[in-house]
Amino acid sequence: MIYRRHKISQLIHYTHEMILEEDSTWFLVRPRIASQQVWRLKSDFTGFDLVTPQVWLDVSDRLVNRYQSHILEIDLQPFYKGSPKISDSRNIGQGLAFLNHYLCNQLLIDTHYWLEVLFQALYQLTYDEMPLLISDRIPSGNI
């Protein structure tokens, strides 16, 4: 009996979302970073099956009626195609540190380009058409 409690507590601990229906209970389980599983438990406890994420999405779409026009959708894809992507699951949740590391590496790879980008950003800061940080006498960021 203690063994079963342990497994149930693990299931609850790793469950991030749950959908309750009359005939089934659906569990979205994330046992580790960047990994997920979807399980379906029948209401009569005759089956506990691993299903595809698409089945989970279909069930949640059906319940929410996602295809209504007033549902808010947020796209969390990168802002542009050239943005860095986290491929190592250990870096998930470390966005600022990852971005800082990426930008520092880019600065080391192409110093002249990034100095010019920084120069242009600082040069464009003006008040009443008067430059705030960089004088008009400085023509470029590359010396």
N, C-alpha and C. Protein backbone atom coordinates (compact mmCIF):
# COMPACT_ATOMS: atom_id res chain seq x y z
N MET A 1 0.82 -1.20 0.00
CA MET A 1 0.00 0.00 0.00
C MET A 1 0.86 1.26 0.00
N ILE A 2 1.96 1.26 0.73
CA ILE A 2 2.85 2.42 0.78
C ILE A 2 3.44 2.66 -0.61
N TYR A 3 3.78 1.60 -1.34
CA TYR A 3 4.34 1.73 -2.67
C TYR A 3 3.37 2.46 -3.60
N ARG A 4 2.10 2.15 -3.54
CA ARG A 4 1.10 2.80 -4.39
C ARG A 4 0.95 4.27 -4.02
N ARG A 5 0.98 4.59 -2.76
CA ARG A 5 0.90 5.99 -2.35
C ARG A 5 2.08 6.77 -2.91
N HIS A 6 3.25 6.14 -2.89
CA HIS A 6 4.44 6.80 -3.41
C HIS A 6 4.28 7.11 -4.90
N LYS A 7 3.78 6.18 -5.68
CA LYS A 7 3.59 6.39 -7.11
C LYS A 7 2.53 7.44 -7.37
N ILE A 8 1.46 7.44 -6.60
CA ILE A 8 0.41 8.44 -6.78
C ILE A 8 0.94 9.82 -6.41
N SER A 9 1.74 9.90 -5.36
CA SER A 9 2.30 11.20 -4.98
C SER A 9 3.26 11.70 -6.05
N GLN A 10 4.01 10.80 -6.68
CA GLN A 10 4.89 11.21 -7.79
C GLN A 10 4.07 11.73 -8.96
N LEU A 11 2.97 11.05 -9.27
CA LEU A 11 2.10 11.50 -10.36
C LEU A 11 1.57 12.90 -10.07
N ILE A 12 1.10 13.13 -8.88
CA ILE A 12 0.56 14.44 -8.52
C ILE A 12 1.66 15.50 -8.52
N HIS A 13 2.84 15.13 -8.04
CA HIS A 13 3.96 16.08 -8.00
C HIS A 13 4.36 16.56 -9.39
N TYR A 14 4.38 15.65 -10.35
CA TYR A 14 4.83 15.99 -11.70
C TYR A 14 3.69 16.42 -12.64
N THR A 15 2.47 16.42 -12.16
CA THR A 15 1.34 16.83 -12.99
C THR A 15 1.25 18.35 -13.01
N HIS A 16 1.27 18.92 -14.24
CA HIS A 16 1.20 20.37 -14.39
C HIS A 16 -0.19 20.83 -14.79
N GLU A 17 -0.93 19.97 -15.47
CA GLU A 17 -2.30 20.30 -15.84
C GLU A 17 -3.13 19.03 -15.77
N MET A 18 -4.41 19.25 -15.55
CA MET A 18 -5.33 18.13 -15.42
C MET A 18 -6.68 18.53 -15.99
N ILE A 19 -7.31 17.62 -16.71
CA ILE A 19 -8.66 17.86 -17.23
C ILE A 19 -9.56 16.76 -16.72
N LEU A 20 -10.66 17.16 -16.11
CA LEU A 20 -11.63 16.20 -15.60
C LEU A 20 -12.84 16.16 -16.53
N GLU A 21 -13.16 14.98 -17.02
CA GLU A 21 -14.35 14.77 -17.85
C GLU A 21 -15.18 13.67 -17.19
N GLU A 22 -16.36 13.44 -17.72
CA GLU A 22 -17.21 12.40 -17.14
C GLU A 22 -16.60 11.01 -17.29
N ASP A 23 -16.01 10.74 -18.44
CA ASP A 23 -15.50 9.39 -18.69
C ASP A 23 -13.99 9.24 -18.51
N SER A 24 -13.27 10.33 -18.32
CA SER A 24 -11.81 10.25 -18.22
C SER A 24 -11.25 11.41 -17.40
N THR A 25 -10.04 11.18 -16.88
CA THR A 25 -9.24 12.23 -16.28
C THR A 25 -7.92 12.25 -17.04
N TRP A 26 -7.53 13.44 -17.48
CA TRP A 26 -6.34 13.60 -18.30
C TRP A 26 -5.26 14.29 -17.46
N PHE A 27 -4.03 13.79 -17.55
CA PHE A 27 -2.90 14.35 -16.81
C PHE A 27 -1.81 14.77 -17.79
N LEU A 28 -1.36 16.01 -17.68
CA LEU A 28 -0.18 16.46 -18.42
C LEU A 28 0.97 16.42 -17.41
N VAL A 29 1.87 15.49 -17.60
CA VAL A 29 2.94 15.21 -16.65
C VAL A 29 4.27 15.67 -17.23
N ARG A 30 5.03 16.38 -16.43
CA ARG A 30 6.38 16.81 -16.83
C ARG A 30 7.38 16.23 -15.83
N PRO A 31 7.89 15.03 -16.11
CA PRO A 31 8.80 14.39 -15.16
C PRO A 31 10.18 15.04 -15.09
N ARG A 32 10.58 15.77 -16.12
CA ARG A 32 11.85 16.49 -16.10
C ARG A 32 11.75 17.68 -17.06
N ILE A 33 12.71 18.56 -17.03
CA ILE A 33 12.71 19.75 -17.86
C ILE A 33 12.68 19.36 -19.33
N ALA A 34 11.88 20.10 -20.11
CA ALA A 34 11.75 19.92 -21.56
C ALA A 34 11.21 18.55 -21.94
N SER A 35 10.41 17.97 -21.09
CA SER A 35 9.82 16.66 -21.36
C SER A 35 8.39 16.65 -20.83
N GLN A 36 7.48 16.06 -21.59
CA GLN A 36 6.12 15.96 -21.10
C GLN A 36 5.47 14.68 -21.61
N GLN A 37 4.53 14.19 -20.84
CA GLN A 37 3.75 13.01 -21.19
C GLN A 37 2.29 13.32 -20.90
N VAL A 38 1.43 12.71 -21.67
CA VAL A 38 -0.01 12.87 -21.44
C VAL A 38 -0.59 11.49 -21.13
N TRP A 39 -1.29 11.41 -20.00
CA TRP A 39 -1.89 10.16 -19.57
C TRP A 39 -3.40 10.32 -19.45
N ARG A 40 -4.12 9.26 -19.77
CA ARG A 40 -5.58 9.25 -19.65
C ARG A 40 -5.97 8.13 -18.70
N LEU A 41 -6.71 8.49 -17.66
CA LEU A 41 -7.25 7.53 -16.69
C LEU A 41 -8.75 7.46 -16.90
N LYS A 42 -9.25 6.25 -17.20
CA LYS A 42 -10.69 6.08 -17.39
C LYS A 42 -11.39 6.20 -16.05
N SER A 43 -12.60 6.71 -16.06
CA SER A 43 -13.31 6.97 -14.81
C SER A 43 -13.62 5.69 -14.03
N ASP A 44 -13.71 4.55 -14.71
CA ASP A 44 -13.97 3.29 -14.01
C ASP A 44 -12.67 2.57 -13.61
N PHE A 45 -11.52 3.26 -13.78
CA PHE A 45 -10.18 2.78 -13.42
C PHE A 45 -9.78 1.51 -14.17
N THR A 46 -10.35 1.28 -15.35
CA THR A 46 -9.98 0.10 -16.13
C THR A 46 -8.80 0.35 -17.06
N GLY A 47 -8.39 1.59 -17.21
CA GLY A 47 -7.26 1.86 -18.08
C GLY A 47 -6.54 3.14 -17.72
N PHE A 48 -5.24 3.08 -17.82
CA PHE A 48 -4.38 4.24 -17.60
C PHE A 48 -3.40 4.22 -18.77
N ASP A 49 -3.66 5.06 -19.78
CA ASP A 49 -2.95 4.96 -21.05
C ASP A 49 -2.14 6.21 -21.35
N LEU A 50 -0.97 6.00 -21.92
CA LEU A 50 -0.15 7.09 -22.43
C LEU A 50 -0.70 7.46 -23.81
N VAL A 51 -1.00 8.74 -24.02
CA VAL A 51 -1.54 9.21 -25.30
C VAL A 51 -0.64 10.31 -25.85
N THR A 52 -0.90 10.70 -27.07
CA THR A 52 -0.07 11.71 -27.72
C THR A 52 -0.46 13.11 -27.25
N PRO A 53 0.46 14.07 -27.33
CA PRO A 53 0.12 15.45 -26.99
C PRO A 53 -1.01 16.01 -27.85
N GLN A 54 -1.13 15.53 -29.10
CA GLN A 54 -2.21 16.00 -29.97
C GLN A 54 -3.58 15.63 -29.40
N VAL A 55 -3.70 14.47 -28.79
CA VAL A 55 -4.97 14.06 -28.16
C VAL A 55 -5.29 15.03 -27.03
N TRP A 56 -4.28 15.39 -26.23
CA TRP A 56 -4.46 16.37 -25.14
C TRP A 56 -4.96 17.70 -25.69
N LEU A 57 -4.33 18.17 -26.76
CA LEU A 57 -4.73 19.45 -27.35
C LEU A 57 -6.15 19.39 -27.89
N ASP A 58 -6.53 18.25 -28.48
CA ASP A 58 -7.90 18.10 -28.99
C ASP A 58 -8.92 18.16 -27.85
N VAL A 59 -8.61 17.51 -26.73
CA VAL A 59 -9.52 17.53 -25.58
C VAL A 59 -9.63 18.94 -25.01
N SER A 60 -8.49 19.61 -24.83
CA SER A 60 -8.54 20.96 -24.26
C SER A 60 -9.22 21.94 -25.22
N ASP A 61 -8.99 21.80 -26.53
CA ASP A 61 -9.66 22.66 -27.50
C ASP A 61 -11.17 22.44 -27.48
N ARG A 62 -11.58 21.21 -27.33
CA ARG A 62 -13.01 20.90 -27.28
C ARG A 62 -13.67 21.53 -26.05
N LEU A 63 -12.98 21.48 -24.92
CA LEU A 63 -13.54 22.03 -23.69
C LEU A 63 -13.56 23.55 -23.69
N VAL A 64 -12.54 24.17 -24.27
CA VAL A 64 -12.44 25.62 -24.25
C VAL A 64 -13.19 26.22 -25.43
N ASN A 65 -13.43 25.42 -26.45
CA ASN A 65 -14.01 25.89 -27.70
C ASN A 65 -13.09 26.96 -28.27
N ARG A 66 -11.87 26.53 -28.51
CA ARG A 66 -10.79 27.42 -28.93
C ARG A 66 -11.10 28.20 -30.20
N TYR A 67 -11.99 27.69 -30.99
CA TYR A 67 -12.23 28.30 -32.29
C TYR A 67 -13.20 29.47 -32.23
N GLN A 68 -13.53 29.93 -31.03
CA GLN A 68 -14.33 31.15 -30.89
C GLN A 68 -13.44 32.35 -31.20
N SER A 69 -14.04 33.41 -31.67
CA SER A 69 -13.26 34.56 -32.10
C SER A 69 -12.71 35.38 -30.93
N HIS A 70 -13.26 35.28 -29.73
CA HIS A 70 -12.82 36.13 -28.62
C HIS A 70 -11.78 35.47 -27.71
N ILE A 71 -11.21 34.36 -28.10
CA ILE A 71 -10.20 33.68 -27.29
C ILE A 71 -8.84 34.35 -27.54
N LEU A 72 -8.15 34.71 -26.48
CA LEU A 72 -6.84 35.34 -26.57
C LEU A 72 -5.78 34.28 -26.84
N GLU A 73 -4.96 34.50 -27.86
CA GLU A 73 -3.85 33.62 -28.15
C GLU A 73 -2.57 34.43 -28.08
N ILE A 74 -1.55 33.87 -27.45
CA ILE A 74 -0.26 34.53 -27.34
C ILE A 74 0.77 33.63 -28.00
N ASP A 75 1.50 34.19 -28.95
CA ASP A 75 2.55 33.46 -29.65
C ASP A 75 3.88 33.72 -28.95
N LEU A 76 4.46 32.69 -28.37
CA LEU A 76 5.70 32.85 -27.63
C LEU A 76 6.92 32.43 -28.44
N GLN A 77 6.79 32.41 -29.76
CA GLN A 77 7.92 32.10 -30.64
C GLN A 77 8.92 33.24 -30.58
N PRO A 78 10.15 33.00 -31.01
CA PRO A 78 11.14 34.08 -31.02
C PRO A 78 10.66 35.26 -31.85
N PHE A 79 11.14 36.45 -31.53
CA PHE A 79 10.70 37.66 -32.19
C PHE A 79 11.13 37.72 -33.65
N TYR A 80 12.24 37.11 -33.97
CA TYR A 80 12.71 37.11 -35.35
C TYR A 80 13.45 35.80 -35.59
N LYS A 81 13.63 35.45 -36.86
CA LYS A 81 14.21 34.14 -37.20
C LYS A 81 15.65 33.98 -36.73
N GLY A 82 16.40 35.06 -36.61
CA GLY A 82 17.79 34.97 -36.22
C GLY A 82 18.01 34.93 -34.72
N SER A 83 16.96 34.90 -33.93
CA SER A 83 17.14 34.93 -32.48
C SER A 83 17.70 33.60 -31.98
N PRO A 84 18.46 33.64 -30.91
CA PRO A 84 19.04 32.41 -30.39
C PRO A 84 17.96 31.50 -29.82
N LYS A 85 18.17 30.21 -29.97
CA LYS A 85 17.23 29.22 -29.46
C LYS A 85 17.94 28.34 -28.44
N ILE A 86 17.25 28.03 -27.37
CA ILE A 86 17.83 27.17 -26.33
C ILE A 86 17.65 25.73 -26.77
N SER A 87 18.76 25.03 -26.98
CA SER A 87 18.69 23.63 -27.40
C SER A 87 19.01 22.67 -26.26
N ASP A 88 19.70 23.15 -25.26
CA ASP A 88 20.06 22.31 -24.11
C ASP A 88 19.01 22.51 -23.02
N SER A 89 18.36 21.45 -22.62
CA SER A 89 17.26 21.56 -21.65
C SER A 89 17.73 22.09 -20.30
N ARG A 90 19.02 22.02 -20.00
CA ARG A 90 19.52 22.55 -18.72
C ARG A 90 19.45 24.07 -18.68
N ASN A 91 19.36 24.73 -19.85
CA ASN A 91 19.31 26.19 -19.90
C ASN A 91 17.89 26.74 -19.86
N ILE A 92 16.90 25.88 -19.91
CA ILE A 92 15.51 26.36 -19.88
C ILE A 92 15.24 26.98 -18.51
N GLY A 93 14.67 28.17 -18.52
CA GLY A 93 14.44 28.91 -17.29
C GLY A 93 15.58 29.84 -16.94
N GLN A 94 16.61 29.83 -17.75
CA GLN A 94 17.78 30.68 -17.53
C GLN A 94 17.92 31.65 -18.70
N GLY A 95 16.82 32.24 -19.13
CA GLY A 95 16.77 33.05 -20.35
C GLY A 95 17.73 34.22 -20.36
N LEU A 96 17.77 35.00 -19.28
CA LEU A 96 18.66 36.17 -19.26
C LEU A 96 20.13 35.77 -19.28
N ALA A 97 20.48 34.76 -18.52
CA ALA A 97 21.87 34.30 -18.52
C ALA A 97 22.24 33.73 -19.89
N PHE A 98 21.32 32.99 -20.51
CA PHE A 98 21.57 32.43 -21.84
C PHE A 98 21.75 33.55 -22.87
N LEU A 99 20.87 34.56 -22.83
CA LEU A 99 20.95 35.67 -23.77
C LEU A 99 22.24 36.47 -23.55
N ASN A 100 22.62 36.70 -22.30
CA ASN A 100 23.86 37.40 -21.99
C ASN A 100 25.06 36.65 -22.55
N HIS A 101 25.10 35.35 -22.34
CA HIS A 101 26.19 34.52 -22.85
C HIS A 101 26.23 34.57 -24.38
N TYR A 102 25.06 34.47 -25.01
CA TYR A 102 24.97 34.51 -26.47
C TYR A 102 25.49 35.85 -27.01
N LEU A 103 25.03 36.96 -26.43
CA LEU A 103 25.44 38.28 -26.91
C LEU A 103 26.93 38.53 -26.69
N CYS A 104 27.47 38.07 -25.56
CA CYS A 104 28.91 38.22 -25.32
C CYS A 104 29.71 37.43 -26.35
N ASN A 105 29.25 36.24 -26.69
CA ASN A 105 29.94 35.45 -27.72
C ASN A 105 29.88 36.16 -29.07
N GLN A 106 28.71 36.73 -29.39
CA GLN A 106 28.57 37.45 -30.66
C GLN A 106 29.51 38.66 -30.69
N LEU A 107 29.65 39.33 -29.56
CA LEU A 107 30.55 40.49 -29.49
C LEU A 107 31.99 40.07 -29.75
N LEU A 108 32.39 38.92 -29.23
CA LEU A 108 33.75 38.44 -29.44
C LEU A 108 33.97 37.98 -30.88
N ILE A 109 32.95 37.42 -31.50
CA ILE A 109 33.08 36.91 -32.86
C ILE A 109 33.21 38.04 -33.88
N ASP A 110 32.33 39.06 -33.77
CA ASP A 110 32.32 40.15 -34.76
C ASP A 110 32.31 41.50 -34.04
N THR A 111 33.45 41.85 -33.48
CA THR A 111 33.57 43.05 -32.65
C THR A 111 33.22 44.32 -33.41
N HIS A 112 33.72 44.46 -34.65
CA HIS A 112 33.49 45.69 -35.41
C HIS A 112 32.00 45.91 -35.67
N TYR A 113 31.30 44.87 -36.04
CA TYR A 113 29.86 44.99 -36.31
C TYR A 113 29.11 45.46 -35.06
N TRP A 114 29.36 44.80 -33.93
CA TRP A 114 28.62 45.12 -32.71
C TRP A 114 29.00 46.49 -32.14
N LEU A 115 30.24 46.91 -32.32
CA LEU A 115 30.62 48.26 -31.90
C LEU A 115 29.86 49.30 -32.72
N GLU A 116 29.70 49.03 -34.02
CA GLU A 116 28.95 49.97 -34.86
C GLU A 116 27.47 49.99 -34.47
N VAL A 117 26.90 48.83 -34.16
CA VAL A 117 25.50 48.78 -33.71
C VAL A 117 25.32 49.56 -32.42
N LEU A 118 26.23 49.36 -31.48
CA LEU A 118 26.16 50.10 -30.21
C LEU A 118 26.33 51.59 -30.45
N PHE A 119 27.27 51.96 -31.31
CA PHE A 119 27.50 53.37 -31.64
C PHE A 119 26.22 54.00 -32.21
N GLN A 120 25.58 53.32 -33.16
CA GLN A 120 24.36 53.86 -33.78
C GLN A 120 23.24 54.01 -32.76
N ALA A 121 23.13 53.05 -31.85
CA ALA A 121 22.08 53.13 -30.82
C ALA A 121 22.32 54.33 -29.90
N LEU A 122 23.55 54.55 -29.49
CA LEU A 122 23.87 55.68 -28.62
C LEU A 122 23.83 57.01 -29.37
N TYR A 123 24.22 56.99 -30.63
CA TYR A 123 24.25 58.20 -31.44
C TYR A 123 22.83 58.74 -31.69
N GLN A 124 21.86 57.85 -31.79
CA GLN A 124 20.49 58.25 -32.10
C GLN A 124 19.75 58.81 -30.89
N LEU A 125 20.32 58.72 -29.72
CA LEU A 125 19.68 59.30 -28.53
C LEU A 125 19.87 60.82 -28.57
N THR A 126 18.76 61.51 -28.81
CA THR A 126 18.82 62.97 -28.92
C THR A 126 17.70 63.60 -28.11
N TYR A 127 17.87 64.88 -27.85
CA TYR A 127 16.82 65.69 -27.24
C TYR A 127 16.77 67.00 -28.01
N ASP A 128 15.64 67.30 -28.58
CA ASP A 128 15.48 68.51 -29.39
C ASP A 128 16.52 68.55 -30.52
N GLU A 129 16.71 67.41 -31.15
CA GLU A 129 17.66 67.22 -32.25
C GLU A 129 19.11 67.46 -31.85
N MET A 130 19.39 67.43 -30.56
CA MET A 130 20.75 67.59 -30.07
C MET A 130 21.22 66.25 -29.50
N PRO A 131 22.37 65.73 -29.97
CA PRO A 131 22.84 64.43 -29.47
C PRO A 131 23.13 64.48 -27.97
N LEU A 132 22.72 63.42 -27.28
CA LEU A 132 22.91 63.37 -25.83
C LEU A 132 24.22 62.71 -25.42
N LEU A 133 24.60 61.62 -26.09
CA LEU A 133 25.75 60.86 -25.62
C LEU A 133 26.96 60.92 -26.53
N ILE A 134 26.75 61.08 -27.84
CA ILE A 134 27.87 61.06 -28.77
C ILE A 134 27.81 62.31 -29.65
N SER A 135 28.91 62.99 -29.76
CA SER A 135 29.00 64.23 -30.54
C SER A 135 28.92 63.94 -32.04
N ASP A 136 28.48 64.95 -32.79
CA ASP A 136 28.43 64.84 -34.25
C ASP A 136 29.82 64.72 -34.85
N ARG A 137 30.85 65.08 -34.13
CA ARG A 137 32.22 65.03 -34.63
C ARG A 137 32.75 63.60 -34.71
N ILE A 138 32.13 62.66 -34.02
CA ILE A 138 32.57 61.26 -34.06
C ILE A 138 31.80 60.57 -35.19
N PRO A 139 32.48 60.15 -36.25
CA PRO A 139 31.77 59.64 -37.42
C PRO A 139 31.33 58.18 -37.33
N SER A 140 31.98 57.37 -36.49
CA SER A 140 31.70 55.94 -36.51
C SER A 140 32.10 55.31 -35.17
N GLY A 141 31.62 54.11 -34.95
CA GLY A 141 31.98 53.37 -33.74
C GLY A 141 33.29 52.63 -33.89
N ASN A 142 33.74 52.44 -35.14
CA ASN A 142 35.01 51.77 -35.41
C ASN A 142 36.11 52.80 -35.48
N ILE A 143 37.07 52.66 -34.62
CA ILE A 143 38.16 53.62 -34.56
C ILE A 143 39.34 53.11 -35.37
